[in-house]
Structures are given as structure tokens and as C-alpha cells.
């Protein structure tokens, strides 16, 4: 089984760009003709006029940027009970008393670590 890093979703990429994140080798680009595509960070001036371009980093890179540059730590943890296991997240400010736990954990039927991380990244970006 090959393990790979997950890229953030286009929804998270749009939010990350709005909040000032630009560090990425891969990018999502959008045009009316072909919707969203994933590409490398190689665009001509004509491409830059034609496409809306959003960063497409790994989840881990965005998580690190939030922690190191914006002082928000997105932590993922496992909740176990006799029926199921649920991945959830919490967001903690590294320089204030802000602490947010995922309030939607009771509504989750099945999820993965990566899905919980994506949700946590989106919520942390919305706090900025």
C-alpha cells in the first residue's frame, strides 16, 4: 500500500488564498472553459490572465503554515467508543486563550484522519 500526502481541496484552496497563503508547488486553476484543474506552478502571462489560480499544497504544509505563521494549531485526535471510532479536530491559538473543539462530531457517521484535518484547516482559516 502506497501512502501519499493529500492535497487540500479546491474549497480550502480558495479560502487559503483569501487569507494570504501562496506557498505551493502545485496549483488549482479555474477557467470558464474547463472548470478546475490541478497543475504545476508554471504559467505564462497569458495563463495568468485566463485562469483564476489557487495554491494546492498538501494538508500538512497548510497545517504547518497555520501553526508557524498564523499561530493556530490544528490538532487531530481519535474518539473511540463501543460502537465506532471518529476522527475529530481542535484548534488552539498559540498566543491567546482561543480553543475550539469540533462541535459536529455527533453528526459524523464515517470519516478519516484526512477528512477531519481538512475540516479543521477550513475552520482555522475562517478564524483568520
Protein backbone atom coordinates (compact mmCIF):
# COMPACT_ATOMS: atom_id res chain seq x y z
CA UNK A 1 0.00 0.00 0.00
CA UNK A 2 1.43 3.33 -1.06
CA UNK A 3 1.00 6.25 1.33
CA UNK A 4 0.75 9.69 -0.22
CA UNK A 5 0.27 13.21 1.07
CA UNK A 6 -3.20 14.66 0.49
CA UNK A 7 -3.60 17.98 -1.27
CA UNK A 8 -6.13 20.39 0.17
CA UNK A 9 -9.47 20.59 -1.64
CA UNK A 10 -10.31 23.44 -4.01
CA UNK A 11 -12.69 24.88 -1.39
CA UNK A 12 -9.88 25.02 1.16
CA UNK A 13 -7.50 26.40 -1.50
CA UNK A 14 -9.82 29.32 -2.27
CA UNK A 15 -10.13 30.13 1.43
CA UNK A 16 -6.36 29.79 1.98
CA UNK A 17 -5.64 32.24 -0.84
CA UNK A 18 -8.11 34.75 0.63
CA UNK A 19 -6.22 34.51 3.93
CA UNK A 20 -2.80 35.11 2.34
CA UNK A 21 -1.44 31.62 1.71
CA UNK A 22 0.59 31.46 -1.53
CA UNK A 23 3.31 28.83 -0.89
CA UNK A 24 2.72 25.86 -3.17
CA UNK A 25 4.37 23.96 -6.00
CA UNK A 26 1.02 22.70 -7.27
CA UNK A 27 -1.93 24.94 -8.07
CA UNK A 28 -5.58 24.70 -8.92
CA UNK A 29 -6.58 26.81 -11.90
CA UNK A 30 -10.08 27.79 -12.92
CA UNK A 31 -11.43 28.95 -16.23
CA UNK A 32 -14.95 29.13 -17.62
CA UNK A 33 -13.98 26.59 -20.30
CA UNK A 34 -12.59 23.77 -18.19
CA UNK A 35 -13.56 24.45 -14.57
CA UNK A 36 -10.91 23.39 -12.04
CA UNK A 37 -7.69 21.62 -12.97
CA UNK A 38 -4.61 20.76 -10.97
CA UNK A 39 -1.34 21.96 -12.45
CA UNK A 40 2.21 22.85 -11.62
CA UNK A 41 3.36 26.32 -10.75
CA UNK A 42 4.36 27.07 -14.36
CA UNK A 43 2.15 29.66 -16.01
CA UNK A 44 2.67 32.14 -18.82
CA UNK A 45 1.44 35.71 -18.53
CA UNK A 46 -1.44 34.74 -20.83
CA UNK A 47 -2.38 31.89 -18.45
CA UNK A 48 -2.40 34.29 -15.51
CA UNK A 49 -4.96 36.44 -17.34
CA UNK A 50 -7.04 33.44 -18.40
CA UNK A 51 -7.20 31.48 -15.11
CA UNK A 52 -8.03 32.12 -11.50
CA UNK A 53 -5.15 30.40 -9.70
CA UNK A 54 -5.27 28.95 -6.19
CA UNK A 55 -2.49 27.24 -4.19
CA UNK A 56 -2.78 23.44 -3.87
CA UNK A 57 -0.42 22.49 -1.02
CA UNK A 58 -0.52 19.32 0.99
CA UNK A 59 -2.68 19.35 4.09
CA UNK A 60 0.50 19.08 6.18
CA UNK A 61 2.05 22.20 4.60
CA UNK A 62 -1.07 24.30 5.20
CA UNK A 63 -1.30 22.95 8.75
CA UNK A 64 2.33 23.99 9.34
CA UNK A 65 1.75 27.46 7.82
CA UNK A 66 -1.23 28.00 10.12
CA UNK A 67 0.89 26.96 13.12
CA UNK A 68 4.17 28.73 12.26
CA UNK A 69 2.90 31.90 10.54
CA UNK A 70 -0.60 32.43 11.94
CA UNK A 71 -0.22 30.86 15.44
CA UNK A 72 -3.14 28.44 15.05
CA UNK A 73 -2.56 24.77 15.79
CA UNK A 74 -4.95 22.27 14.15
CA UNK A 75 -4.82 19.06 16.18
CA UNK A 76 -6.44 15.79 15.10
CA UNK A 77 -7.48 13.14 17.60
CA UNK A 78 -9.39 9.88 17.73
CA UNK A 79 -12.58 9.41 19.75
CA UNK A 80 -13.37 5.76 20.48
CA UNK A 81 -16.48 4.28 21.97
CA UNK A 82 -18.00 0.83 21.92
CA UNK A 83 -19.79 1.49 18.61
CA UNK A 84 -17.34 3.39 16.39
CA UNK A 85 -14.17 5.40 16.04
CA UNK A 86 -14.38 9.02 14.98
CA UNK A 87 -11.56 11.33 13.92
CA UNK A 88 -12.08 14.89 15.09
CA UNK A 89 -10.13 18.12 15.45
CA UNK A 90 -9.47 21.00 17.78
CA UNK A 91 -7.98 24.40 17.00
CA UNK A 92 -5.81 26.15 19.51
CA UNK A 93 -4.29 29.61 19.35
CA UNK A 94 -0.60 29.61 20.27
CA UNK A 95 -0.69 33.19 21.58
CA UNK A 96 -4.18 33.64 23.09
CA UNK A 97 -6.65 31.57 25.08
CA UNK A 98 -8.65 30.65 21.98
CA UNK A 99 -9.55 26.96 21.92
CA UNK A 100 -12.20 25.47 19.62
CA UNK A 101 -13.33 21.86 19.54
CA UNK A 102 -15.21 20.31 16.64
CA UNK A 103 -18.88 20.67 17.57
CA UNK A 104 -20.11 18.44 14.73
CA UNK A 105 -18.62 15.17 15.93
CA UNK A 106 -22.00 13.69 16.81
CA UNK A 107 -23.13 14.15 13.20
CA UNK A 108 -20.24 12.20 11.68
CA UNK A 109 -21.06 8.68 10.53
CA UNK A 110 -17.74 7.66 8.99
CA UNK A 111 -14.64 9.73 8.48
CA UNK A 112 -10.91 9.57 8.10
CA UNK A 113 -7.99 11.41 9.66
CA UNK A 114 -7.60 13.39 6.43
CA UNK A 115 -11.27 14.43 6.37
CA UNK A 116 -11.04 15.66 9.95
CA UNK A 117 -7.83 17.54 9.11
CA UNK A 118 -9.46 19.18 6.06
CA UNK A 119 -12.42 20.31 8.18
CA UNK A 120 -10.07 21.65 10.85
CA UNK A 121 -7.95 23.52 8.28
CA UNK A 122 -11.06 25.17 6.84
CA UNK A 123 -12.33 26.24 10.26
CA UNK A 124 -8.90 27.60 11.26
CA UNK A 125 -8.72 29.64 8.04
CA UNK A 126 -12.15 31.10 8.73
CA UNK A 127 -10.86 32.33 12.10
CA UNK A 128 -8.21 34.50 10.43
